[in-house]
Amino acid sequence: MNALVTINAGICGFVTSAEVSSPDNQNVEFHVSSNCEKIAKLGKSLKQYEPIDAYQEISPASDSVFMAIVRDNLKGCCSGCAVPSGLFKAMQVAAGLALPKDISISLSKR
């Protein structure tokens, strides 16, 4: 199965699109495109570890390869970036572990 995701990261103005594919409904591959240098680097780093086992990624008994790659690539101001969450959800959809449904985050100051 394939999942497509587009993520507008927020005030930075960067947009990321990705296709996450899983031919066996377990192992996934990421095809990430972004105008953010850090996210583009993250996409290339994910390629080095593919295929990523989506079942292992959601298991509370194991360490997440995906999140370790995210931590290595996004530091500083990008620690709160919404892109990793969007990519993770797309991974779940591609592996048949979640149904495709939009997610949203709304922010404002009080």
PDB file of N, CA and C in Angstrom:
ATOM      1  N   MET A   1       0.848  -1.168   0.000  1.00  0.00           N
ATOM      2  CA  MET A   1       0.000   0.000   0.000  1.00  0.00           C
ATOM      3  C   MET A   1       0.900   1.240   0.000  1.00  0.00           C
ATOM      4  N   ASN A   2       0.409   2.308  -0.557  1.00  0.00           N
ATOM      5  CA  ASN A   2       1.125   3.580  -0.570  1.00  0.00           C
ATOM      6  C   ASN A   2       0.328   4.613   0.200  1.00  0.00           C
ATOM      7  N   ALA A   3       1.034   5.490   0.888  1.00  0.00           N
ATOM      8  CA  ALA A   3       0.409   6.611   1.579  1.00  0.00           C
ATOM      9  C   ALA A   3       1.091   7.886   1.105  1.00  0.00           C
ATOM     10  N   LEU A   4       0.301   8.897   0.837  1.00  0.00           N
ATOM     11  CA  LEU A   4       0.823  10.194   0.436  1.00  0.00           C
ATOM     12  C   LEU A   4       0.541  11.186   1.551  1.00  0.00           C
ATOM     13  N   VAL A   5       1.518  12.033   1.847  1.00  0.00           N
ATOM     14  CA  VAL A   5       1.339  13.031   2.890  1.00  0.00           C
ATOM     15  C   VAL A   5       1.969  14.344   2.445  1.00  0.00           C
ATOM     16  N   THR A   6       1.290  15.449   2.757  1.00  0.00           N
ATOM     17  CA  THR A   6       1.824  16.793   2.546  1.00  0.00           C
ATOM     18  C   THR A   6       1.749  17.499   3.885  1.00  0.00           C
ATOM     19  N   ILE A   7       2.871  18.076   4.304  1.00  0.00           N
ATOM     20  CA  ILE A   7       2.950  18.700   5.623  1.00  0.00           C
ATOM     21  C   ILE A   7       3.421  20.139   5.461  1.00  0.00           C
ATOM     22  N   ASN A   8       2.564  21.083   5.866  1.00  0.00           N
ATOM     23  CA  ASN A   8       2.947  22.493   5.933  1.00  0.00           C
ATOM     24  C   ASN A   8       3.451  22.710   7.346  1.00  0.00           C
ATOM     25  N   ALA A   9       4.749  22.927   7.494  1.00  0.00           N
ATOM     26  CA  ALA A   9       5.390  22.889   8.802  1.00  0.00           C
ATOM     27  C   ALA A   9       5.068  24.072   9.713  1.00  0.00           C
ATOM     28  N   GLY A  10       4.554  25.147   9.188  1.00  0.00           N
ATOM     29  CA  GLY A  10       4.188  26.267  10.048  1.00  0.00           C
ATOM     30  C   GLY A  10       4.864  27.557   9.649  1.00  0.00           C
ATOM     31  N   ILE A  11       5.273  28.312  10.651  1.00  0.00           N
ATOM     32  CA  ILE A  11       5.804  29.656  10.436  1.00  0.00           C
ATOM     33  C   ILE A  11       7.076  29.665   9.585  1.00  0.00           C
ATOM     34  N   CYS A  12       7.793  28.568   9.560  1.00  0.00           N
ATOM     35  CA  CYS A  12       9.003  28.503   8.739  1.00  0.00           C
ATOM     36  C   CYS A  12       8.669  28.551   7.248  1.00  0.00           C
ATOM     37  N   GLY A  13       7.440  28.158   6.883  1.00  0.00           N
ATOM     38  CA  GLY A  13       7.013  28.193   5.493  1.00  0.00           C
ATOM     39  C   GLY A  13       7.423  26.977   4.675  1.00  0.00           C
ATOM     40  N   PHE A  14       8.103  26.038   5.285  1.00  0.00           N
ATOM     41  CA  PHE A  14       8.552  24.867   4.546  1.00  0.00           C
ATOM     42  C   PHE A  14       7.407  23.875   4.350  1.00  0.00           C
ATOM     43  N   VAL A  15       7.429  23.241   3.180  1.00  0.00           N
ATOM     44  CA  VAL A  15       6.425  22.233   2.843  1.00  0.00           C
ATOM     45  C   VAL A  15       7.154  20.938   2.512  1.00  0.00           C
ATOM     46  N   THR A  16       6.646  19.867   3.068  1.00  0.00           N
ATOM     47  CA  THR A  16       7.211  18.546   2.817  1.00  0.00           C
ATOM     48  C   THR A  16       6.132  17.660   2.229  1.00  0.00           C
ATOM     49  N   SER A  17       6.491  16.918   1.205  1.00  0.00           N
ATOM     50  CA  SER A  17       5.591  15.899   0.684  1.00  0.00           C
ATOM     51  C   SER A  17       6.351  14.575   0.688  1.00  0.00           C
ATOM     52  N   ALA A  18       5.607  13.513   0.882  1.00  0.00           N
ATOM     53  CA  ALA A  18       6.250  12.204   0.914  1.00  0.00           C
ATOM     54  C   ALA A  18       5.287  11.141   0.432  1.00  0.00           C
ATOM     55  N   GLU A  19       5.859  10.132  -0.173  1.00  0.00           N
ATOM     56  CA  GLU A  19       5.133   8.917  -0.475  1.00  0.00           C
ATOM     57  C   GLU A  19       5.821   7.829   0.337  1.00  0.00           C
ATOM     58  N   VAL A  20       5.027   7.140   1.121  1.00  0.00           N
ATOM     59  CA  VAL A  20       5.552   6.040   1.931  1.00  0.00           C
ATOM     60  C   VAL A  20       4.919   4.778   1.377  1.00  0.00           C
ATOM     61  N   SER A  21       5.751   3.822   1.006  1.00  0.00           N
ATOM     62  CA  SER A  21       5.236   2.611   0.377  1.00  0.00           C
ATOM     63  C   SER A  21       5.603   1.373   1.184  1.00  0.00           C
ATOM     64  N   SER A  22       4.714   0.393   1.098  1.00  0.00           N
ATOM     65  CA  SER A  22       4.927  -0.876   1.783  1.00  0.00           C
ATOM     66  C   SER A  22       4.354  -1.997   0.924  1.00  0.00           C
ATOM     67  N   PRO A  23       5.211  -2.727   0.232  1.00  0.00           N
ATOM     68  CA  PRO A  23       4.712  -3.799  -0.626  1.00  0.00           C
ATOM     69  C   PRO A  23       4.159  -4.994   0.157  1.00  0.00           C
ATOM     70  N   ASP A  24       4.578  -5.127   1.425  1.00  0.00           N
ATOM     71  CA  ASP A  24       4.161  -6.289   2.218  1.00  0.00           C
ATOM     72  C   ASP A  24       3.344  -5.937   3.457  1.00  0.00           C
ATOM     73  N   ASN A  25       2.900  -4.684   3.555  1.00  0.00           N
ATOM     74  CA  ASN A  25       2.130  -4.200   4.707  1.00  0.00           C
ATOM     75  C   ASN A  25       2.875  -4.336   6.028  1.00  0.00           C
ATOM     76  N   GLN A  26       4.193  -4.242   5.971  1.00  0.00           N
ATOM     77  CA  GLN A  26       4.990  -4.240   7.196  1.00  0.00           C
ATOM     78  C   GLN A  26       6.235  -3.374   7.047  1.00  0.00           C
ATOM     79  N   ASN A  27       7.000  -3.618   6.004  1.00  0.00           N
ATOM     80  CA  ASN A  27       8.243  -2.885   5.787  1.00  0.00           C
ATOM     81  C   ASN A  27       7.983  -1.715   4.854  1.00  0.00           C
ATOM     82  N   VAL A  28       8.510  -0.540   5.230  1.00  0.00           N
ATOM     83  CA  VAL A  28       8.197   0.676   4.490  1.00  0.00           C
ATOM     84  C   VAL A  28       9.443   1.352   3.940  1.00  0.00           C
ATOM     85  N   GLU A  29       9.203   2.113   2.876  1.00  0.00           N
ATOM     86  CA  GLU A  29      10.229   2.967   2.279  1.00  0.00           C
ATOM     87  C   GLU A  29       9.659   4.367   2.154  1.00  0.00           C
ATOM     88  N   PHE A  30      10.512   5.358   2.407  1.00  0.00           N
ATOM     89  CA  PHE A  30      10.122   6.765   2.377  1.00  0.00           C
ATOM     90  C   PHE A  30      10.706   7.445   1.151  1.00  0.00           C
ATOM     91  N   HIS A  31       9.892   8.244   0.478  1.00  0.00           N
ATOM     92  CA  HIS A  31      10.331   9.081  -0.630  1.00  0.00           C
ATOM     93  C   HIS A  31       9.914  10.503  -0.251  1.00  0.00           C
ATOM     94  N   VAL A  32      10.872  11.246   0.322  1.00  0.00           N
ATOM     95  CA  VAL A  32      10.593  12.551   0.926  1.00  0.00           C
ATOM     96  C   VAL A  32      11.117  13.672   0.040  1.00  0.00           C
ATOM     97  N   SER A  33      10.286  14.689  -0.136  1.00  0.00           N
ATOM     98  CA  SER A  33      10.679  15.888  -0.871  1.00  0.00           C
ATOM     99  C   SER A  33      10.324  17.093  -0.010  1.00  0.00           C
ATOM    100  N   SER A  34      11.299  17.984   0.205  1.00  0.00           N
ATOM    101  CA  SER A  34      11.049  19.161   1.042  1.00  0.00           C
ATOM    102  C   SER A  34      11.942  20.308   0.627  1.00  0.00           C
ATOM    103  N   ASN A  35      11.425  21.528   0.817  1.00  0.00           N
ATOM    104  CA  ASN A  35      12.262  22.702   0.579  1.00  0.00           C
ATOM    105  C   ASN A  35      13.027  23.102   1.849  1.00  0.00           C
ATOM    106  N   CYS A  36      12.939  22.281   2.897  1.00  0.00           N
ATOM    107  CA  CYS A  36      13.729  22.468   4.117  1.00  0.00           C
ATOM    108  C   CYS A  36      14.960  21.569   4.039  1.00  0.00           C
ATOM    109  N   GLU A  37      16.131  22.157   4.188  1.00  0.00           N
ATOM    110  CA  GLU A  37      17.379  21.391   4.104  1.00  0.00           C
ATOM    111  C   GLU A  37      17.428  20.255   5.121  1.00  0.00           C
ATOM    112  N   LYS A  38      16.996  20.534   6.347  1.00  0.00           N
ATOM    113  CA  LYS A  38      17.062  19.519   7.397  1.00  0.00           C
ATOM    114  C   LYS A  38      16.128  18.349   7.115  1.00  0.00           C
ATOM    115  N   ILE A  39      14.944  18.634   6.615  1.00  0.00           N
ATOM    116  CA  ILE A  39      13.999  17.564   6.303  1.00  0.00           C
ATOM    117  C   ILE A  39      14.473  16.778   5.078  1.00  0.00           C
ATOM    118  N   ALA A  40      15.044  17.462   4.093  1.00  0.00           N
ATOM    119  CA  ALA A  40      15.603  16.763   2.932  1.00  0.00           C
ATOM    120  C   ALA A  40      16.713  15.809   3.383  1.00  0.00           C
ATOM    121  N   LYS A  41      17.537  16.266   4.309  1.00  0.00           N
ATOM    122  CA  LYS A  41      18.605  15.412   4.865  1.00  0.00           C
ATOM    123  C   LYS A  41      17.993  14.239   5.629  1.00  0.00           C
ATOM    124  N   LEU A  42      16.928  14.497   6.382  1.00  0.00           N
ATOM    125  CA  LEU A  42      16.234  13.429   7.093  1.00  0.00           C
ATOM    126  C   LEU A  42      15.735  12.372   6.109  1.00  0.00           C
ATOM    127  N   GLY A  43      15.147  12.799   5.003  1.00  0.00           N
ATOM    128  CA  GLY A  43      14.671  11.868   3.985  1.00  0.00           C
ATOM    129  C   GLY A  43      15.786  10.992   3.444  1.00  0.00           C
ATOM    130  N   LYS A  44      16.947  11.577   3.195  1.00  0.00           N
ATOM    131  CA  LYS A  44      18.100  10.802   2.715  1.00  0.00           C
ATOM    132  C   LYS A  44      18.591   9.837   3.784  1.00  0.00           C
ATOM    133  N   SER A  45      18.570  10.265   5.039  1.00  0.00           N
ATOM    134  CA  SER A  45      19.006   9.392   6.129  1.00  0.00           C
ATOM    135  C   SER A  45      18.074   8.202   6.299  1.00  0.00           C
ATOM    136  N   LEU A  46      16.769   8.421   6.138  1.00  0.00           N
ATOM    137  CA  LEU A  46      15.814   7.316   6.240  1.00  0.00           C
ATOM    138  C   LEU A  46      16.120   6.249   5.194  1.00  0.00           C
ATOM    139  N   LYS A  47      16.531   6.672   3.998  1.00  0.00           N
ATOM    140  CA  LYS A  47      16.841   5.733   2.916  1.00  0.00           C
ATOM    141  C   LYS A  47      17.928   4.737   3.324  1.00  0.00           C
ATOM    142  N   GLN A  48      18.866   5.180   4.160  1.00  0.00           N
ATOM    143  CA  GLN A  48      19.985   4.321   4.562  1.00  0.00           C
ATOM    144  C   GLN A  48      19.534   3.161   5.443  1.00  0.00           C
ATOM    145  N   TYR A  49      18.364   3.261   6.048  1.00  0.00           N
ATOM    146  CA  TYR A  49      17.884   2.237   6.981  1.00  0.00           C
ATOM    147  C   TYR A  49      16.705   1.438   6.429  1.00  0.00           C
ATOM    148  N   GLU A  50      16.352   1.672   5.189  1.00  0.00           N
ATOM    149  CA  GLU A  50      15.200   1.002   4.607  1.00  0.00           C
ATOM    150  C   GLU A  50      15.519  -0.429   4.224  1.00  0.00           C
ATOM    151  N   PRO A  51      14.513  -1.280   4.245  1.00  0.00           N
ATOM    152  CA  PRO A  51      13.155  -0.990   4.675  1.00  0.00           C
ATOM    153  C   PRO A  51      13.067  -0.910   6.194  1.00  0.00           C
ATOM    154  N   ILE A  52      12.165  -0.062   6.665  1.00  0.00           N
ATOM    155  CA  ILE A  52      11.935   0.087   8.099  1.00  0.00           C
ATOM    156  C   ILE A  52      10.691  -0.720   8.467  1.00  0.00           C
ATOM    157  N   ASP A  53      10.818  -1.533   9.494  1.00  0.00           N
ATOM    158  CA  ASP A  53       9.734  -2.403   9.945  1.00  0.00           C
ATOM    159  C   ASP A  53       8.725  -1.579  10.751  1.00  0.00           C
ATOM    160  N   ALA A  54       7.575  -1.297  10.158  1.00  0.00           N
ATOM    161  CA  ALA A  54       6.558  -0.459  10.804  1.00  0.00           C
ATOM    162  C   ALA A  54       6.008  -1.115  12.066  1.00  0.00           C
ATOM    163  N   TYR A  55       5.931  -2.441  12.097  1.00  0.00           N
ATOM    164  CA  TYR A  55       5.443  -3.134  13.289  1.00  0.00           C
ATOM    165  C   TYR A  55       6.385  -2.906  14.464  1.00  0.00           C
ATOM    166  N   GLN A  56       7.687  -2.984  14.181  1.00  0.00           N
ATOM    167  CA  GLN A  56       8.675  -2.746  15.232  1.00  0.00           C
ATOM    168  C   GLN A  56       8.622  -1.294  15.713  1.00  0.00           C
ATOM    169  N   GLU A  57       8.332  -0.384  14.787  1.00  0.00           N
ATOM    170  CA  GLU A  57       8.287   1.041  15.127  1.00  0.00           C
ATOM    171  C   GLU A  57       7.177   1.378  16.118  1.00  0.00           C
ATOM    172  N   ILE A  58       6.067   0.658  16.071  1.00  0.00           N
ATOM    173  CA  ILE A  58       4.973   0.957  16.998  1.00  0.00           C
ATOM    174  C   ILE A  58       5.023   0.115  18.264  1.00  0.00           C
ATOM    175  N   SER A  59       5.961  -0.809  18.345  1.00  0.00           N
ATOM    176  CA  SER A  59       6.069  -1.685  19.511  1.00  0.00           C
ATOM    177  C   SER A  59       6.652  -0.934  20.707  1.00  0.00           C
ATOM    178  N   PRO A  60       5.990  -0.994  21.866  1.00  0.00           N
ATOM    179  CA  PRO A  60       6.549  -0.350  23.058  1.00  0.00           C
ATOM    180  C   PRO A  60       7.758  -1.094  23.613  1.00  0.00           C
ATOM    181  N   ALA A  61       7.999  -2.303  23.113  1.00  0.00           N
ATOM    182  CA  ALA A  61       9.097  -3.125  23.623  1.00  0.00           C
ATOM    183  C   ALA A  61      10.415  -2.886  22.887  1.00  0.00           C
ATOM    184  N   SER A  62      10.405  -2.082  21.833  1.00  0.00           N
ATOM    185  CA  SER A  62      11.642  -1.869  21.079  1.00  0.00           C
ATOM    186  C   SER A  62      11.882  -0.383  20.849  1.00  0.00           C
ATOM    187  N   ASP A  63      13.132  -0.070  20.569  1.00  0.00           N
ATOM    188  CA  ASP A  63      13.501   1.305  20.259  1.00  0.00           C
ATOM    189  C   ASP A  63      13.101   1.621  18.819  1.00  0.00           C
ATOM    190  N   SER A  64      12.688   2.837  18.591  1.00  0.00           N
ATOM    191  CA  SER A  64      12.251   3.268  17.275  1.00  0.00           C
ATOM    192  C   SER A  64      13.443   3.706  16.427  1.00  0.00           C
ATOM    193  N   VAL A  65      13.666   3.002  15.334  1.00  0.00           N
ATOM    194  CA  VAL A  65      14.707   3.383  14.384  1.00  0.00           C
ATOM    195  C   VAL A  65      14.362   4.744  13.784  1.00  0.00           C
ATOM    196  N   PHE A  66      13.083   4.923  13.438  1.00  0.00           N
ATOM    197  CA  PHE A  66      12.618   6.169  12.847  1.00  0.00           C
ATOM    198  C   PHE A  66      12.932   7.360  13.754  1.00  0.00           C
ATOM    199  N   MET A  67      12.554   7.256  15.022  1.00  0.00           N
ATOM    200  CA  MET A  67      12.767   8.379  15.943  1.00  0.00           C
ATOM    201  C   MET A  67      14.244   8.638  16.199  1.00  0.00           C
ATOM    202  N   ALA A  68      15.071   7.608  16.198  1.00  0.00           N
ATOM    203  CA  ALA A  68      16.515   7.800  16.356  1.00  0.00           C
ATOM    204  C   ALA A  68      17.078   8.586  15.178  1.00  0.00           C
ATOM    205  N   ILE A  69      16.595   8.287  13.978  1.00  0.00           N
ATOM    206  CA  ILE A  69      17.045   9.017  12.787  1.00  0.00           C
ATOM    207  C   ILE A  69      16.575  10.469  12.862  1.00  0.00           C
ATOM    208  N   VAL A  70      15.338  10.681  13.306  1.00  0.00           N
ATOM    209  CA  VAL A  70      14.805  12.040  13.466  1.00  0.00           C
ATOM    210  C   VAL A  70      15.662  12.820  14.454  1.00  0.00           C
ATOM    211  N   ARG A  71      15.957  12.227  15.602  1.00  0.00           N
ATOM    212  CA  ARG A  71      16.771  12.914  16.620  1.00  0.00           C
ATOM    213  C   ARG A  71      18.146  13.275  16.083  1.00  0.00           C
ATOM    214  N   ASP A  72      18.740  12.396  15.288  1.00  0.00           N
ATOM    215  CA  ASP A  72      20.065  12.660  14.731  1.00  0.00           C
ATOM    216  C   ASP A  72      20.053  13.806  13.718  1.00  0.00           C
ATOM    217  N   ASN A  73      18.931  13.984  13.017  1.00  0.00           N
ATOM    218  CA  ASN A  73      18.880  14.959  11.935  1.00  0.00           C
ATOM    219  C   ASN A  73      18.245  16.292  12.293  1.00  0.00           C
ATOM    220  N   LEU A  74      17.372  16.305  13.289  1.00  0.00           N
ATOM    221  CA  LEU A  74      16.677  17.541  13.637  1.00  0.00           C
ATOM    222  C   LEU A  74      17.055  17.957  15.055  1.00  0.00           C
ATOM    223  N   LYS A  75      17.846  18.967  15.150  1.00  0.00           N
ATOM    224  CA  LYS A  75      18.286  19.466  16.451  1.00  0.00           C
ATOM    225  C   LYS A  75      17.992  20.956  16.557  1.00  0.00           C
ATOM    226  N   GLY A  76      17.988  21.455  17.763  1.00  0.00           N
ATOM    227  CA  GLY A  76      17.782  22.886  17.958  1.00  0.00           C
ATOM    228  C   GLY A  76      16.358  23.300  17.709  1.00  0.00           C
ATOM    229  N   CYS A  77      16.170  24.316  16.882  1.00  0.00           N
ATOM    230  CA  CYS A  77      14.831  24.869  16.651  1.00  0.00           C
ATOM    231  C   CYS A  77      13.895  23.865  15.990  1.00  0.00           C
ATOM    232  N   CYS A  78      14.418  22.838  15.390  1.00  0.00           N
ATOM    233  CA  CYS A  78      13.575  21.860  14.703  1.00  0.00           C
ATOM    234  C   CYS A  78      13.084  20.746  15.621  1.00  0.00           C
ATOM    235  N   SER A  79      13.390  20.791  16.895  1.00  0.00           N
ATOM    236  CA  SER A  79      12.960  19.731  17.808  1.00  0.00           C
ATOM    237  C   SER A  79      11.452  19.596  17.874  1.00  0.00           C
ATOM    238  N   GLY A  80      10.711  20.672  17.651  1.00  0.00           N
ATOM    239  CA  GLY A  80       9.259  20.629  17.689  1.00  0.00           C
ATOM    240  C   GLY A  80       8.625  20.546  16.312  1.00  0.00           C
ATOM    241  N   CYS A  81       9.384  20.211  15.309  1.00  0.00           N
ATOM    242  CA  CYS A  81       8.887  20.158  13.935  1.00  0.00           C
ATOM    243  C   CYS A  81       7.753  19.138  13.813  1.00  0.00           C
ATOM    244  N   ALA A  82       6.712  19.508  13.070  1.00  0.00           N
ATOM    245  CA  ALA A  82       5.553  18.638  12.873  1.00  0.00           C
ATOM    246  C   ALA A  82       5.780  17.579  11.796  1.00  0.00           C
ATOM    247  N   VAL A  83       6.818  17.726  11.009  1.00  0.00           N
ATOM    248  CA  VAL A  83       7.041  16.805   9.893  1.00  0.00           C
ATOM    249  C   VAL A  83       7.236  15.357  10.347  1.00  0.00           C
ATOM    250  N   PRO A  84       8.064  15.082  11.366  1.00  0.00           N
ATOM    251  CA  PRO A  84       8.227  13.682  11.771  1.00  0.00           C
ATOM    252  C   PRO A  84       6.910  12.998  12.140  1.00  0.00           C
ATOM    253  N   SER A  85       6.009  13.717  12.799  1.00  0.00           N
ATOM    254  CA  SER A  85       4.716  13.124  13.148  1.00  0.00           C
ATOM    255  C   SER A  85       3.925  12.761  11.895  1.00  0.00           C
ATOM    256  N   GLY A  86       3.940  13.641  10.912  1.00  0.00           N
ATOM    257  CA  GLY A  86       3.241  13.371   9.659  1.00  0.00           C
ATOM    258  C   GLY A  86       3.825  12.182   8.912  1.00  0.00           C
ATOM    259  N   LEU A  87       5.158  12.085   8.890  1.00  0.00           N
ATOM    260  CA  LEU A  87       5.812  10.955   8.234  1.00  0.00           C
ATOM    261  C   LEU A  87       5.505   9.652   8.966  1.00  0.00           C
ATOM    262  N   PHE A  88       5.489   9.710  10.306  1.00  0.00           N
ATOM    263  CA  PHE A  88       5.199   8.518  11.102  1.00  0.00           C
ATOM    264  C   PHE A  88       3.777   8.025  10.832  1.00  0.00           C
ATOM    265  N   LYS A  89       2.821   8.956  10.784  1.00  0.00           N
ATOM    266  CA  LYS A  89       1.438   8.574  10.497  1.00  0.00           C
ATOM    267  C   LYS A  89       1.323   7.981   9.088  1.00  0.00           C
ATOM    268  N   ALA A  90       2.036   8.541   8.120  1.00  0.00           N
ATOM    269  CA  ALA A  90       2.017   7.996   6.760  1.00  0.00           C
ATOM    270  C   ALA A  90       2.595   6.582   6.743  1.00  0.00           C
ATOM    271  N   MET A  91       3.628   6.338   7.555  1.00  0.00           N
ATOM    272  CA  MET A  91       4.203   5.002   7.662  1.00  0.00           C
ATOM    273  C   MET A  91       3.150   4.011   8.166  1.00  0.00           C
ATOM    274  N   GLN A  92       2.381   4.431   9.179  1.00  0.00           N
ATOM    275  CA  GLN A  92       1.341   3.564   9.719  1.00  0.00           C
ATOM    276  C   GLN A  92       0.277   3.244   8.667  1.00  0.00           C
ATOM    277  N   VAL A  93      -0.116   4.240   7.902  1.00  0.00           N
ATOM    278  CA  VAL A  93      -1.123   4.033   6.859  1.00  0.00           C
ATOM    279  C   VAL A  93      -0.582   3.092   5.779  1.00  0.00           C
ATOM    280  N   ALA A  94       0.657   3.322   5.342  1.00  0.00           N
ATOM    281  CA  ALA A  94       1.250   2.489   4.294  1.00  0.00           C
ATOM    282  C   ALA A  94       1.332   1.021   4.710  1.00  0.00           C
ATOM    283  N   ALA A  95       1.561   0.781   5.998  1.00  0.00           N
ATOM    284  CA  ALA A  95       1.679  -0.594   6.497  1.00  0.00           C
ATOM    285  C   ALA A  95       0.334  -1.180   6.915  1.00  0.00           C
ATOM    286  N   GLY A  96      -0.746  -0.427   6.738  1.00  0.00           N
ATOM    287  CA  GLY A  96      -2.062  -0.924   7.105  1.00  0.00           C
ATOM    288  C   GLY A  96      -2.323  -0.910   8.600  1.00  0.00           C
ATOM    289  N   LEU A  97      -1.548  -0.127   9.346  1.00  0.00           N
ATOM    290  CA  LEU A  97      -1.696  -0.047  10.801  1.00  0.00           C
ATOM    291  C   LEU A  97      -2.601   1.101  11.235  1.00  0.00           C
ATOM    292  N   ALA A  98      -2.993   1.939  10.297  1.00  0.00           N
ATOM    293  CA  ALA A  98      -3.895   3.060  10.582  1.00  0.00           C
ATOM    294  C   ALA A  98      -4.660   3.382   9.306  1.00  0.00           C
ATOM    295  N   LEU A  99      -5.820   3.961   9.481  1.00  0.00           N
ATOM    296  CA  LEU A  99      -6.597   4.409   8.336  1.00  0.00           C
ATOM    297  C   LEU A  99      -6.196   5.838   7.985  1.00  0.00           C
ATOM    298  N   PRO A 100      -6.240   6.197   6.703  1.00  0.00           N
ATOM    299  CA  PRO A 100      -5.874   7.561   6.321  1.00  0.00           C
ATOM    300  C   PRO A 100      -6.932   8.564   6.780  1.00  0.00           C
ATOM    301  N   LYS A 101      -6.552   9.452   7.618  1.00  0.00           N
ATOM    302  CA  LYS A 101      -7.422  10.517   8.121  1.00  0.00           C
ATOM    303  C   LYS A 101      -6.537  11.717   8.415  1.00  0.00           C
ATOM    304  N   ASP A 102      -6.948  12.902   7.969  1.00  0.00           N
ATOM    305  CA  ASP A 102      -6.170  14.112   8.236  1.00  0.00           C
ATOM    306  C   ASP A 102      -6.016  14.354   9.724  1.00  0.00           C
ATOM    307  N   ILE A 103      -4.871  14.876  10.075  1.00  0.00           N
ATOM    308  CA  ILE A 103      -4.618  15.325  11.443  1.00  0.00           C
ATOM    309  C   ILE A 103      -4.362  16.818  11.372  1.00  0.00           C
ATOM    310  N   SER A 104      -4.543  17.525  12.481  1.00  0.00           N
ATOM    311  CA  SER A 104      -4.254  18.957  12.452  1.00  0.00           C
ATOM    312  C   SER A 104      -3.782  19.424  13.825  1.00  0.00           C
ATOM    313  N   ILE A 105      -3.022  20.499  13.781  1.00  0.00           N
ATOM    314  CA  ILE A 105      -2.552  21.178  14.980  1.00  0.00           C
ATOM    315  C   ILE A 105      -2.865  22.648  14.777  1.00  0.00           C
ATOM    316  N   SER A 106      -3.593  23.245  15.683  1.00  0.00           N
ATOM    317  CA  SER A 106      -3.897  24.685  15.593  1.00  0.00           C
ATOM    318  C   SER A 106      -3.202  25.384  16.731  1.00  0.00           C
ATOM    319  N   LEU A 107      -2.486  26.442  16.420  1.00  0.00           N
ATOM    320  CA  LEU A 107      -1.741  27.196  17.436  1.00  0.00           C
ATOM    321  C   LEU A 107      -2.159  28.648  17.449  1.00  0.00           C
ATOM    322  N   SER A 108      -2.207  29.237  18.652  1.00  0.00           N
ATOM    323  CA  SER A 108      -2.450  30.668  18.781  1.00  0.00           C
ATOM    324  C   SER A 108      -1.863  31.136  20.097  1.00  0.00           C
ATOM    325  N   LYS A 109      -1.703  32.439  20.227  1.00  0.00           N
ATOM    326  CA  LYS A 109      -1.233  33.046  21.464  1.00  0.00           C
ATOM    327  C   LYS A 109      -2.431  33.570  22.225  1.00  0.00           C
ATOM    328  N   ARG A 110      -2.353  33.580  23.517  1.00  0.00           N
ATOM    329  CA  ARG A 110      -3.406  34.159  24.363  1.00  0.00           C
ATOM    330  C   ARG A 110      -2.830  35.322  25.117  1.00  0.00           C
TER     331      ARG A 110
END
